[in-house]
Protein backbone atom coordinates (compact mmCIF):
# COMPACT_ATOMS: atom_id res chain seq x y z
CA MET A 1 -34.83 21.23 49.18
CA ARG A 2 -32.48 18.70 46.85
CA GLY A 3 -34.54 18.51 43.96
CA LYS A 4 -34.35 23.27 43.84
CA ASP A 5 -30.53 23.12 44.23
CA TYR A 6 -30.42 20.47 41.46
CA THR A 7 -32.36 22.77 39.19
CA LYS A 8 -30.55 25.89 39.96
CA ALA A 9 -27.79 23.62 39.68
CA THR A 10 -28.78 22.83 36.43
CA VAL A 11 -29.84 26.17 35.20
CA ALA A 12 -26.65 27.36 35.33
CA ALA A 13 -25.08 24.57 34.04
CA ASP A 14 -27.71 25.30 30.73
CA ALA A 15 -26.63 29.24 31.09
CA GLY A 16 -22.64 28.00 30.70
CA GLN A 17 -23.37 26.18 27.95
CA ALA A 18 -24.94 28.40 26.31
CA GLN A 19 -22.47 30.94 26.86
CA GLN A 20 -20.11 28.68 25.38
CA LEU A 21 -22.09 27.88 22.31
CA ALA A 22 -22.67 31.56 21.77
CA ASP A 23 -18.72 32.41 22.10
CA GLY A 24 -18.26 29.21 19.83
CA SER A 25 -15.84 27.71 22.37
CA CYS A 26 -18.69 24.38 23.30
CA PHE A 27 -16.10 21.35 22.53
CA SER A 28 -13.86 23.28 20.42
CA GLU A 29 -10.29 22.06 22.13
CA ASP A 30 -12.12 18.08 22.30
CA TRP A 31 -12.69 18.95 18.77
CA GLU A 32 -9.58 20.19 17.18
CA ALA A 33 -7.87 17.57 19.92
CA GLY A 34 -10.33 14.66 18.23
CA GLU A 35 -9.20 16.49 14.70
CA ARG A 36 -5.80 16.38 14.94
CA ARG A 37 -5.56 12.56 16.00
CA GLN A 38 -8.06 12.16 13.59
CA ALA A 39 -5.46 13.42 10.78
CA GLN A 40 -1.89 11.96 12.80
CA ARG A 41 -3.80 8.32 12.48
CA ARG A 42 -4.94 9.29 8.49
CA LYS A 43 -1.43 10.90 7.69
CA LEU A 44 0.50 7.52 8.65
CA HIS A 45 -1.77 5.67 7.51
CA VAL A 46 -1.65 6.79 4.13
CA SER A 47 1.93 6.92 4.39
CA ARG A 48 2.35 3.69 5.08
CA SER A 49 -0.04 2.34 2.34
CA MET A 50 1.57 5.27 -0.38
CA VAL A 51 4.96 4.43 0.21
CA THR A 52 3.68 0.30 -0.28
CA PHE A 53 1.94 1.32 -3.37
CA LEU A 54 4.93 3.39 -4.51
CA ILE A 55 7.09 0.41 -4.27
CA LEU A 56 4.97 -2.31 -6.10
CA ASP A 57 4.42 0.85 -8.39
CA LEU A 58 8.75 1.00 -9.62
CA ILE A 59 8.81 -2.71 -9.58
CA ALA A 60 5.48 -2.30 -12.28
CA ILE A 61 7.18 0.12 -14.10
CA THR A 62 10.92 -2.08 -14.25
CA ILE A 63 8.58 -4.93 -15.20
CA ALA A 64 6.35 -2.78 -17.79
CA SER A 65 9.45 -0.93 -19.44
CA PHE A 66 11.58 -4.82 -19.95
CA ALA A 67 8.77 -6.92 -20.38
CA GLN A 68 8.73 -6.67 -24.16
CA ILE A 69 11.62 -4.71 -25.79
CA GLU A 70 14.44 -6.11 -27.95
CA GLU A 71 17.90 -6.29 -26.87
CA ARG A 72 18.94 -3.17 -29.10
CA PHE A 73 16.21 -1.34 -27.43
CA VAL A 74 17.96 -2.79 -23.91
CA ASP A 75 19.94 0.89 -23.37
CA PRO A 76 17.55 3.55 -23.91
CA VAL A 77 15.16 2.27 -21.91
CA LEU A 78 17.52 1.25 -19.44
CA TRP A 79 19.04 4.98 -19.87
CA TYR A 80 15.07 6.51 -19.62
CA LEU A 81 14.13 4.44 -16.90
CA PRO A 82 14.99 6.65 -13.78
CA VAL A 83 13.41 9.81 -15.59
CA ASN A 84 10.13 7.57 -16.70
CA MET A 85 9.68 6.11 -12.52
CA VAL A 86 9.47 9.71 -11.74
CA VAL A 87 7.55 11.05 -14.57
CA THR A 88 4.80 7.96 -13.67
CA VAL A 89 4.80 8.46 -9.86
CA VAL A 90 4.04 12.01 -10.46
CA VAL A 91 1.16 11.37 -12.69
CA TYR A 92 0.12 8.46 -10.34
CA TYR A 93 0.16 10.99 -7.36
CA LEU A 94 -1.55 13.32 -9.96
CA PHE A 95 -4.55 10.98 -10.68
CA SER A 96 -4.69 10.56 -7.01
CA LEU A 97 -4.00 6.94 -7.08
CA TYR A 98 -1.71 7.16 -3.86
CA THR A 99 -5.02 8.46 -1.72
CA THR A 100 -7.52 6.68 -2.93
CA LEU A 101 -9.33 4.19 -0.16
CA TRP A 102 -8.54 0.71 -2.00
CA LYS A 103 -11.00 -1.41 -0.35
CA TYR A 104 -14.11 0.87 -2.04
CA ALA A 105 -12.43 1.03 -5.19
CA GLY A 106 -14.73 0.51 -8.07
CA ILE A 107 -15.22 1.81 -11.60
CA THR A 108 -13.92 5.43 -10.90
CA GLU A 109 -10.75 4.65 -10.09
CA LEU A 110 -9.99 1.72 -12.65
CA CYS A 111 -11.06 4.57 -15.41
CA ASN A 112 -8.50 6.75 -13.02
CA ILE A 113 -5.78 3.40 -13.22
CA THR A 114 -6.85 3.82 -17.08
CA ALA A 115 -6.07 7.15 -17.81
CA ALA A 116 -3.08 7.59 -15.59
CA ALA A 117 -0.89 4.61 -17.15
CA ALA A 118 -2.33 6.50 -20.78
CA VAL A 119 -0.94 9.89 -19.97
CA SER A 120 2.60 7.49 -18.51
CA SER A 121 3.11 5.70 -21.70
CA ILE A 122 2.37 9.45 -23.90
CA LEU A 123 5.13 11.05 -21.70
CA GLN A 124 7.59 8.27 -21.61
CA VAL A 125 7.48 8.35 -25.43
CA LEU A 126 7.00 12.21 -25.64
CA GLY A 127 10.80 11.84 -23.33
CA MET A 128 12.77 8.99 -25.45
CA VAL A 129 11.42 11.26 -28.47
CA ILE A 130 12.79 14.31 -27.43
CA LEU A 131 15.78 13.32 -26.30
CA GLY A 132 16.68 11.08 -28.93
CA LYS A 133 16.25 7.57 -27.63
CA PRO A 134 15.40 4.91 -30.28
CA ILE A 135 12.14 3.00 -29.75
CA PHE A 136 10.04 0.36 -31.27
CA ARG A 137 6.56 1.69 -32.72
CA SER A 138 4.89 -1.33 -30.35
CA TYR A 139 6.32 -0.81 -27.43
CA VAL A 140 3.59 2.16 -26.35
CA LEU A 141 0.96 -0.26 -26.41
CA LEU A 142 3.21 -3.09 -24.55
CA TYR A 143 4.07 -1.09 -22.19
CA PHE A 144 0.28 1.09 -21.28
CA VAL A 145 -0.97 -3.09 -21.11
CA LEU A 146 1.53 -4.12 -19.00
CA LEU A 147 1.43 -1.26 -17.08
CA LEU A 148 -1.94 -1.45 -16.56
CA ALA A 149 -2.56 -4.81 -15.69
CA ALA A 150 0.39 -4.49 -12.85
CA THR A 151 -1.20 -1.14 -11.31
CA VAL A 152 -4.98 -2.67 -11.37
CA ALA A 153 -3.24 -5.75 -10.02
CA THR A 154 -1.71 -3.71 -7.38
CA ARG A 155 -4.46 -1.99 -6.46
CA PHE A 156 -7.35 -4.43 -6.76
CA SER A 157 -5.35 -6.91 -5.10
CA TYR A 158 -6.41 -6.07 -1.92
CA ARG A 159 -10.48 -5.86 -2.82
CA PHE A 160 -10.03 -9.39 -3.84
CA LEU A 161 -7.79 -10.63 -0.68
CA ARG A 162 -10.26 -9.14 2.09
CA LEU A 163 -13.39 -11.17 -0.21
CA VAL A 164 -11.15 -14.33 -0.33
CA ARG A 165 -10.16 -13.89 3.27
CA ASN A 166 -14.20 -13.31 4.13
CA LYS A 167 -15.57 -15.73 2.63
CA TYR A 168 -12.90 -18.40 3.83
CA PHE A 169 -13.20 -17.19 7.58
CA ARG A 170 -16.79 -16.54 7.32
CA ALA A 171 -17.49 -20.06 6.46
CA SER A 172 -14.61 -21.49 8.73
CA ALA A 173 -16.93 -20.02 11.78
CA ASP A 174 -19.69 -21.60 10.19
CA ARG A 175 -18.90 -24.76 10.33
CA ARG A 176 -17.85 -24.77 14.03
CA MET A 177 -21.04 -23.52 14.96
CA ASN A 178 -22.70 -26.35 13.33
CA LEU A 179 -20.05 -28.68 14.90
CA MET A 180 -21.60 -27.24 18.61
């Protein structure tokens, strides 16, 4: 008798699940809750990394702007620096430099960084020319190279540090295993 009850219950459960599948409500609440949790986790993770990269980018922009200039060009560059920071951050955002998973970065991301740095450099020079601020000719190239180097260093340092950490910990774990 127990086998028949079990079979009837299974058939009833299967019929209920079939109805839920037909309604499209099967696991929808669990699915939506899971999606919300994942989106929340992604949002928190992205916002932390975005803030970190934003701060590093602002430092890189400042260093790239002032590292190579002559004393007579300090005032125009200093005056234009806030505008340059906003423009560069917007360009970097448009090139997805704040939303990329940098632990998987490769050639595509390097091309995006190069293009973003080039567009930022061109926009900075255009802005300074339009506003009538004097700048020397080699500034564009030097700014581009320094900005590119700083951005690549900040973005790819995560991969490098992860590689070093994994290599070090793997080597120390192997040594511990051999001692026992």
